[in-house]
Protein backbone atom coordinates (compact mmCIF):
# COMPACT_ATOMS: atom_id res chain seq x y z
CA MET A 1 -94.95 29.75 3.94
CA LYS A 2 -94.38 26.50 5.78
CA ARG A 3 -94.89 26.32 9.47
CA LEU A 4 -91.74 25.69 11.53
CA THR A 5 -91.64 22.37 13.29
CA PRO A 6 -91.24 22.25 17.09
CA VAL A 7 -87.71 20.78 16.69
CA LEU A 8 -86.64 23.62 14.40
CA LEU A 9 -88.07 26.14 16.82
CA MET A 10 -86.03 24.59 19.64
CA LEU A 11 -82.85 24.79 17.55
CA ILE A 12 -83.45 28.47 16.81
CA GLY A 13 -83.95 29.10 20.53
CA VAL A 14 -80.67 27.37 21.39
CA LEU A 15 -78.76 29.37 18.75
CA THR A 16 -80.32 32.58 20.03
CA ILE A 17 -79.24 31.86 23.59
CA SER A 18 -75.70 30.85 22.56
CA CYS A 19 -75.25 34.12 20.66
CA ALA A 20 -76.52 36.31 23.51
CA PRO A 21 -74.22 39.06 24.81
CA PRO A 22 -72.22 38.34 27.97
CA TYR A 23 -74.49 40.57 30.05
CA PRO A 24 -78.07 40.86 28.63
CA ILE A 25 -79.83 44.20 28.63
CA ASN A 26 -83.50 44.94 27.96
CA PRO A 27 -84.20 45.19 24.20
CA GLU A 28 -86.52 48.14 24.94
CA PRO A 29 -85.06 50.73 25.06
CA GLU A 30 -81.73 50.25 23.28
CA PRO A 31 -78.79 48.96 25.37
CA ILE A 32 -76.71 51.61 27.12
CA THR A 33 -73.25 51.48 25.54
CA SER A 34 -70.61 54.02 24.64
CA ALA A 35 -71.87 53.88 21.07
CA SER A 36 -75.55 54.40 21.86
CA VAL A 37 -75.20 57.13 24.49
CA PRO A 38 -74.78 60.69 23.13
CA ALA A 39 -71.52 62.40 24.03
CA SER A 40 -73.40 64.90 26.17
CA SER A 41 -75.11 62.16 28.22
CA SER A 42 -73.88 61.33 31.71
CA ALA A 43 -75.02 57.70 31.46
CA PRO A 44 -72.41 55.41 33.05
CA VAL A 45 -70.79 52.75 30.90
CA LEU A 46 -70.10 49.54 32.80
CA SER A 47 -67.40 47.08 31.90
CA PRO A 48 -68.21 43.39 31.32
CA THR A 49 -68.58 41.29 34.45
CA THR A 50 -65.64 39.44 35.96
CA LEU A 51 -65.59 36.34 38.13
CA PRO A 52 -65.57 36.89 41.92
CA LYS A 53 -62.04 37.13 43.33
CA PRO A 54 -61.01 33.98 45.24
CA VAL A 55 -60.14 34.32 48.93
CA PRO A 56 -56.37 35.01 49.07
CA THR A 57 -54.02 32.97 51.26
CA LEU A 58 -50.61 33.70 52.71
CA ASN A 59 -48.05 31.15 53.95
CA LEU A 60 -44.85 31.66 55.93
CA GLU A 61 -41.35 30.31 55.45
CA ASP A 62 -38.25 30.36 57.66
CA TYR A 63 -35.66 33.07 56.97
CA ASN A 64 -32.18 33.11 58.49
CA GLY A 65 -30.59 36.56 58.50
CA GLY A 66 -27.45 35.50 60.37
CA PHE A 67 -27.87 37.39 63.63
CA PHE A 68 -31.66 37.10 63.47
CA SER A 69 -34.35 34.75 62.18
CA ILE A 70 -37.98 35.30 61.24
CA LYS A 71 -40.84 33.58 59.48
CA LYS A 72 -41.70 35.65 56.42
CA PRO A 73 -44.38 35.30 53.72
CA VAL A 74 -43.27 32.88 51.02
CA GLY A 75 -41.52 34.59 48.12
CA TRP A 76 -41.40 38.07 49.70
CA ASN A 77 -38.13 40.03 49.74
CA LEU A 78 -36.50 41.02 53.02
CA VAL A 79 -34.08 43.93 53.46
CA THR A 80 -32.41 45.16 56.65
CA ALA A 81 -30.87 48.50 57.57
CA GLY A 82 -28.97 49.98 60.48
CA SER A 83 -27.59 48.16 63.49
CA GLY A 84 -28.01 48.26 67.22
CA SER A 85 -30.42 51.03 68.15
CA THR A 86 -31.12 51.85 64.46
CA PHE A 87 -31.93 48.27 63.37
CA ALA A 88 -34.78 48.07 60.86
CA PHE A 89 -36.21 45.62 58.35
CA CYS A 90 -38.85 45.54 55.65
CA ILE A 91 -40.43 42.43 54.14
CA LYS A 92 -42.23 43.15 50.90
CA ASP A 93 -44.20 41.34 48.19
CA ARG A 94 -42.40 41.52 44.84
CA GLU A 95 -45.61 41.95 42.81
CA HIS A 96 -47.56 44.19 45.17
CA PRO A 97 -45.30 46.42 47.33
CA THR A 98 -48.38 47.39 49.32
CA ASN A 99 -48.14 43.92 50.90
CA GLN A 100 -45.44 44.45 53.53
CA ILE A 101 -44.19 44.15 57.09
CA PHE A 102 -41.77 46.70 58.48
CA TYR A 103 -40.01 47.55 61.72
CA PHE A 104 -37.92 50.63 62.56
CA ASN A 105 -36.46 50.75 66.03
CA GLU A 106 -35.67 54.43 65.51
CA LEU A 107 -36.61 56.81 62.70
CA GLY A 108 -35.78 60.46 62.38
CA PRO A 109 -35.17 63.05 63.46
CA VAL A 110 -38.05 65.20 62.30
CA TYR A 111 -38.57 68.86 63.09
CA LEU A 112 -41.01 69.87 65.80
CA ALA A 113 -41.63 73.35 64.35
CA GLU A 114 -40.97 75.29 61.17
CA GLU A 115 -39.05 77.86 63.23
CA GLN A 116 -36.32 75.32 63.99
CA LYS A 117 -35.84 74.67 60.28
CA THR A 118 -35.46 78.40 59.75
CA ILE A 119 -32.86 78.59 62.54
CA ASP A 120 -30.85 75.79 60.92
CA LYS A 121 -31.04 77.47 57.52
CA ASN A 122 -29.88 80.80 58.98
CA TYR A 123 -27.05 79.00 60.73
CA MET A 124 -25.89 77.70 57.35
CA GLY A 125 -26.05 81.25 55.98
CA MET A 126 -23.58 82.31 58.64
CA GLY A 127 -21.06 79.71 57.52
CA GLY A 128 -22.33 76.70 59.48
CA TYR A 129 -23.30 73.29 58.17
CA LEU A 130 -26.84 72.06 57.69
CA PRO A 131 -27.69 68.92 59.65
CA SER A 132 -28.09 65.74 57.61
CA TRP A 133 -31.79 65.67 58.45
CA PHE A 134 -32.60 69.12 57.04
CA GLU A 135 -34.88 67.51 54.39
CA MET A 136 -37.02 65.94 57.07
CA PRO A 137 -40.57 67.31 57.47
CA VAL A 138 -42.07 69.27 60.33
CA VAL A 139 -44.35 67.13 62.52
CA ASN A 140 -46.33 69.55 64.65
CA PRO A 141 -47.63 68.55 67.06
CA LEU A 142 -45.47 65.45 67.46
CA THR A 143 -48.06 62.68 67.69
CA PRO A 144 -48.08 59.13 66.26
CA GLU A 145 -50.92 60.11 63.88
CA ASN A 146 -49.03 63.12 62.51
CA PHE A 147 -45.82 61.12 62.22
CA LEU A 148 -47.65 58.50 60.14
CA SER A 149 -49.29 61.19 57.99
CA LYS A 150 -45.82 62.62 57.21
CA PHE A 151 -44.36 59.22 56.41
CA GLU A 152 -44.39 59.79 52.66
CA LEU A 153 -42.37 62.99 53.11
CA ILE A 154 -39.85 61.09 55.22
CA ALA A 155 -39.61 58.41 52.51
CA GLU A 156 -38.78 61.06 49.89
CA THR A 157 -35.71 62.36 51.71
CA GLY A 158 -32.19 61.42 50.71
CA ILE A 159 -31.39 60.24 54.23
CA ALA A 160 -34.30 57.75 54.16
CA ARG A 161 -33.44 56.42 50.68
CA LYS A 162 -29.83 55.99 51.72
CA PHE A 163 -30.84 54.23 54.94
CA MET A 164 -33.10 51.59 53.40
CA GLN A 165 -33.67 50.24 49.91
CA ASN A 166 -37.36 50.43 48.86
CA PHE A 167 -38.30 52.48 51.90
CA PRO A 168 -42.08 52.13 52.56
CA GLU A 169 -43.97 54.99 50.90
CA LEU A 170 -47.41 55.16 52.58
CA LYS A 171 -48.80 57.98 50.46
CA ASN A 172 -52.12 59.79 50.99
CA ILE A 173 -52.68 58.41 54.49
CA GLU A 174 -56.34 58.25 55.57
CA ILE A 175 -56.61 57.43 59.28
CA ILE A 176 -59.57 55.22 60.20
CA SER A 177 -59.09 54.69 63.95
CA VAL A 178 -56.60 55.37 66.73
CA ALA A 179 -56.05 53.51 70.02
CA GLU A 180 -53.80 54.92 72.73
CA GLU A 181 -51.23 52.52 74.23
CA GLU A 182 -48.83 52.67 77.16
CA SER A 183 -45.62 54.30 75.98
CA PRO A 184 -42.31 52.51 76.57
CA LEU A 185 -40.50 55.90 76.70
CA PRO A 186 -40.76 58.63 79.36
CA GLY A 187 -42.55 61.59 77.78
CA GLY A 188 -43.41 59.54 74.70
CA LYS A 189 -46.76 58.92 73.04
CA THR A 190 -47.68 55.49 71.67
CA LYS A 191 -50.70 54.58 69.56
CA THR A 192 -51.99 51.80 67.34
CA ILE A 193 -53.44 53.25 64.14
CA ARG A 194 -55.58 51.76 61.40
CA ALA A 195 -55.24 53.58 58.11
CA LEU A 196 -55.64 53.49 54.34
CA PHE A 197 -52.84 54.62 52.02
CA ARG A 198 -51.45 54.47 48.49
CA GLN A 199 -48.30 52.63 47.47
CA GLY A 200 -47.08 51.31 44.13
CA GLY A 201 -50.37 52.16 42.43
CA ASP A 202 -52.44 50.10 44.90
CA LEU A 203 -54.82 51.15 47.64
CA GLY A 204 -53.64 49.58 50.87
CA GLU A 205 -54.85 49.12 54.42
CA GLY A 206 -52.71 48.57 57.48
CA LEU A 207 -52.23 48.60 61.21
CA PHE A 208 -49.37 50.68 62.61
CA TYR A 209 -47.82 50.81 66.07
CA ILE A 210 -45.86 54.04 66.60
CA THR A 211 -44.12 55.76 69.51
CA VAL A 212 -42.90 59.37 69.23
CA ALA A 213 -40.86 61.49 71.62
CA PRO A 214 -38.93 64.79 71.44
CA LEU A 215 -35.17 64.66 71.68
CA ILE A 216 -33.84 66.35 74.82
CA PRO A 217 -30.50 67.91 73.81
CA LEU A 218 -27.46 67.22 75.94
CA THR A 219 -25.36 70.12 77.24
CA GLY A 220 -23.35 71.57 74.38
CA PHE A 221 -25.49 69.84 71.73
CA ALA A 222 -25.89 72.23 68.80
CA TRP A 223 -29.24 71.08 67.55
CA GLY A 224 -32.64 71.25 69.19
CA GLY A 225 -36.32 71.26 68.26
CA ILE A 226 -36.33 67.74 66.87
CA GLY A 227 -37.98 64.44 67.72
CA PHE A 228 -37.97 60.78 66.71
CA GLY A 229 -40.28 57.94 65.94
CA TYR A 230 -39.47 54.81 67.93
CA VAL A 231 -40.55 51.20 67.57
CA ILE A 232 -42.42 51.87 64.33
CA ILE A 233 -44.21 48.74 63.17
CA GLY A 234 -46.51 48.25 60.20
CA ILE A 235 -48.40 45.35 58.68
CA THR A 236 -50.18 46.25 55.43
CA SER A 237 -51.63 44.78 52.27
CA VAL A 238 -53.82 45.57 49.30
CA LYS A 239 -57.08 46.85 50.82
CA SER A 240 -59.26 43.95 49.66
CA ASP A 241 -56.85 41.38 51.12
CA PHE A 242 -56.06 42.87 54.51
CA ARG A 243 -58.82 41.10 56.42
CA TYR A 244 -57.39 37.79 55.20
CA PHE A 245 -53.69 38.62 55.63
CA GLN A 246 -53.52 40.51 58.93
CA GLU A 247 -53.34 37.43 61.18
CA THR A 248 -50.49 35.83 59.19
CA LEU A 249 -48.61 39.14 58.97
CA THR A 250 -48.87 39.49 62.75
CA GLN A 251 -47.58 35.94 63.22
CA SER A 252 -44.56 36.87 61.11
CA LEU A 253 -43.81 39.86 63.36
CA ARG A 254 -44.09 37.72 66.47
CA SER A 255 -41.54 35.20 65.15
CA LEU A 256 -38.52 37.58 65.08
CA ASN A 257 -35.61 36.21 67.10
CA ILE A 258 -32.33 38.10 67.70
CA SER A 259 -29.24 36.03 68.50
CA GLN A 260 -27.71 36.44 71.96
CA SER A 261 -24.23 36.94 70.48
CA TYR A 262 -25.45 39.99 68.55
CA ILE A 263 -27.11 41.40 71.65
CA ASP A 264 -23.90 40.91 73.65
CA ASN A 265 -21.90 42.69 70.94
CA CYS A 266 -24.32 45.64 71.00
CA LEU A 267 -23.92 45.87 74.77
CA LYS A 268 -20.17 46.13 74.42
CA GLN A 269 -20.35 48.84 71.76
CA GLN A 270 -23.29 50.95 72.91
CA GLN A 271 -24.88 50.47 76.29
CA GLN A 272 -27.89 52.64 75.44
CA ALA A 273 -28.81 50.56 72.36
CA LEU A 274 -31.79 49.08 74.15
CA GLY A 275 -33.97 48.72 71.08
CA ILE A 276 -32.13 45.86 69.43
CA LEU A 277 -31.62 44.17 72.78
CA LYS A 278 -35.34 43.94 73.25
CA ALA A 279 -36.49 43.83 69.62
CA GLY A 280 -37.61 40.22 69.82
CA ASN A 281 -39.60 40.79 72.99
CA THR A 282 -40.88 44.13 71.70
CA LEU A 283 -42.27 42.60 68.52
CA SER A 284 -43.78 39.71 70.43
CA GLU A 285 -45.56 42.11 72.79
CA THR A 286 -46.61 44.64 70.19
CA SER A 287 -47.83 41.95 67.79
CA ASP A 288 -50.27 40.93 70.51
CA ILE A 289 -51.37 44.57 70.81
CA ILE A 290 -51.80 44.83 67.04
CA MET A 291 -53.78 41.58 66.90
CA ALA A 292 -56.00 42.69 69.79
CA SER A 293 -56.66 46.05 68.13
CA TRP A 294 -57.91 44.21 65.03
CA GLU A 295 -60.01 41.68 66.89
CA ASP A 296 -61.57 44.37 69.12
CA ARG A 297 -62.12 46.88 66.34
CA ASN A 298 -65.40 48.74 66.11
CA ARG A 299 -67.72 47.72 63.28
CA VAL A 300 -68.29 51.38 62.55
CA ASP A 301 -64.58 51.63 61.68
CA ASP A 302 -64.98 48.79 59.18
CA ILE A 303 -67.74 50.70 57.42
CA THR A 304 -65.70 53.92 57.54
CA SER A 305 -62.76 52.09 55.95
CA GLU A 306 -64.93 50.81 53.10
CA LYS A 307 -66.50 54.21 52.45
CA ARG A 308 -63.16 56.00 52.39
CA SER A 309 -61.64 53.38 50.11
CA ASP A 310 -64.54 53.90 47.69
CA ALA A 311 -63.90 57.65 47.76
CA MET A 312 -60.18 57.14 47.10
CA LEU A 313 -60.88 54.76 44.21
CA GLY A 314 -63.77 56.73 42.71
CA ASN A 315 -66.30 53.94 43.30
CA GLU A 316 -69.60 53.42 45.03
CA ARG A 317 -71.66 50.32 45.88
CA VAL A 318 -75.18 49.14 45.23
CA TYR A 319 -76.87 45.89 46.15
CA ASN A 320 -79.69 43.63 45.06
CA PRO A 321 -82.08 43.31 48.05
CA ASP A 322 -83.46 40.04 46.67
CA THR A 323 -80.07 38.27 46.56
CA GLY A 324 -77.90 40.35 48.87
CA THR A 325 -75.27 40.66 46.15
CA VAL A 326 -73.17 43.84 46.37
CA TYR A 327 -71.87 45.46 43.17
CA GLU A 328 -68.97 47.88 42.79
CA VAL A 329 -69.87 50.60 40.30
CA PRO A 330 -68.44 53.94 39.12
CA LEU A 331 -69.05 57.01 41.26
CA ASP A 332 -72.48 58.60 40.65
CA PHE A 333 -73.77 55.48 38.87
CA TYR A 334 -76.66 55.05 41.30
CA GLU A 335 -77.93 58.60 40.78
CA TYR A 336 -78.31 57.94 37.04
CA TYR A 337 -79.58 54.37 37.53
CA ASN A 338 -82.26 55.48 39.97
CA LEU A 339 -83.70 57.86 37.37
CA HIS A 340 -83.60 55.29 34.55
CA ARG A 341 -84.45 51.98 36.18
CA GLU A 342 -86.66 51.06 33.22
CA ARG A 343 -83.53 50.68 31.09
CA TYR A 344 -82.26 47.76 33.14
CA ASN A 345 -83.45 44.19 33.61
CA MET A 346 -82.01 44.35 37.13
CA ASN A 347 -84.13 47.31 38.14
CA ASN A 348 -84.37 46.76 41.92
CA LEU A 349 -80.89 47.85 43.03
CA GLN A 350 -80.51 50.02 46.12
CA ALA A 351 -77.73 52.09 47.69
CA LEU A 352 -76.12 50.42 50.71
CA PRO A 353 -77.64 51.50 54.05
CA ASP A 354 -75.11 53.59 55.97
CA ALA A 355 -74.91 51.33 59.01
CA ASP A 356 -75.29 47.84 57.48
CA TRP A 357 -71.99 46.16 58.43
CA ASN A 358 -72.82 42.90 56.64
CA LEU A 359 -73.34 44.62 53.29
CA TRP A 360 -70.38 46.99 53.61
CA THR A 361 -67.98 44.13 54.38
CA ALA A 362 -69.45 41.66 51.89
CA PRO A 363 -67.39 40.65 48.82
CA THR A 364 -68.27 42.78 45.79
CA GLU A 365 -68.97 41.83 42.20
CA SER A 366 -68.11 43.90 39.16
CA GLY A 367 -70.68 46.45 38.05
CA GLY A 368 -70.53 44.82 34.63
CA ALA A 369 -72.88 42.16 36.00
CA ILE A 370 -75.68 44.75 36.16
CA ASN A 371 -77.94 44.56 33.12
């Protein structure tokens, strides 16, 4: 048999490299794939690697709503609802409804106790009429956090769907942090809340400014035991994008301007409609509060947010201590990997330290890059 020349050997090497799989795995033992792992095995199967996601950007454009103007994200839809004291708007991304800005000057009423709902139902049984808000949930105790947690139940009611098209859903709320603020209403409670949620199939993150207060019935008023949410503001986006979008979303909130002619008309029709009269100032002030809450946030809350998002998505993270690269992998991957490191070329991966802010907030790569 003839000996291979050095040139031919080089060509064979080039062909071998060009035909290599997209993510090489040690030839000994056999690669871990769905075909090679017995059905009874718990070995994780990783998908092929994907390129790192580019840093997202968000630009604003002028929007003229007639009696108001605002700078909104380019290409996002804007809907309004109500008037005067019930004025509300929602600006939403067409492709990802989790990307949104919303403002409700007044939202409710909600029940303060289950007993009041029972009273209303019994009243109907005696020939009376149910109030239009009978579908609304019980928020007990009436706090901004509980109001936010019940938001998805509010969104499911007929009264909410009738009030606003594409009412924000905010499902499966997971509260990360809460900051108490000065309430603009006597007897009210106001807080800025950071939370995770689900909407439109995406995992989202947002900052919410919410005031709640019980309704004090007037003499002769038939209904009691209810309360409202006031000045409800939210800026949200897909979880991975929120750190990049929050500043621009806050700038959009701050830019709302209500025309003086509309304010004058509200004064003539309803003297107590203070919300719309001050909506521009309110959003300017609260946008500063929202921005400050983000800038002054605790790093522990950032880590908590990442850990809870992993739990909601069924993921976990590992990292390469030599490169600092963080990988997103299926839940329980590391437990299997740690027992079978010899099966991987990249056999030095570690679980993320609980308190390492830099690693927990670092961009992640697909687990398919692990080989």
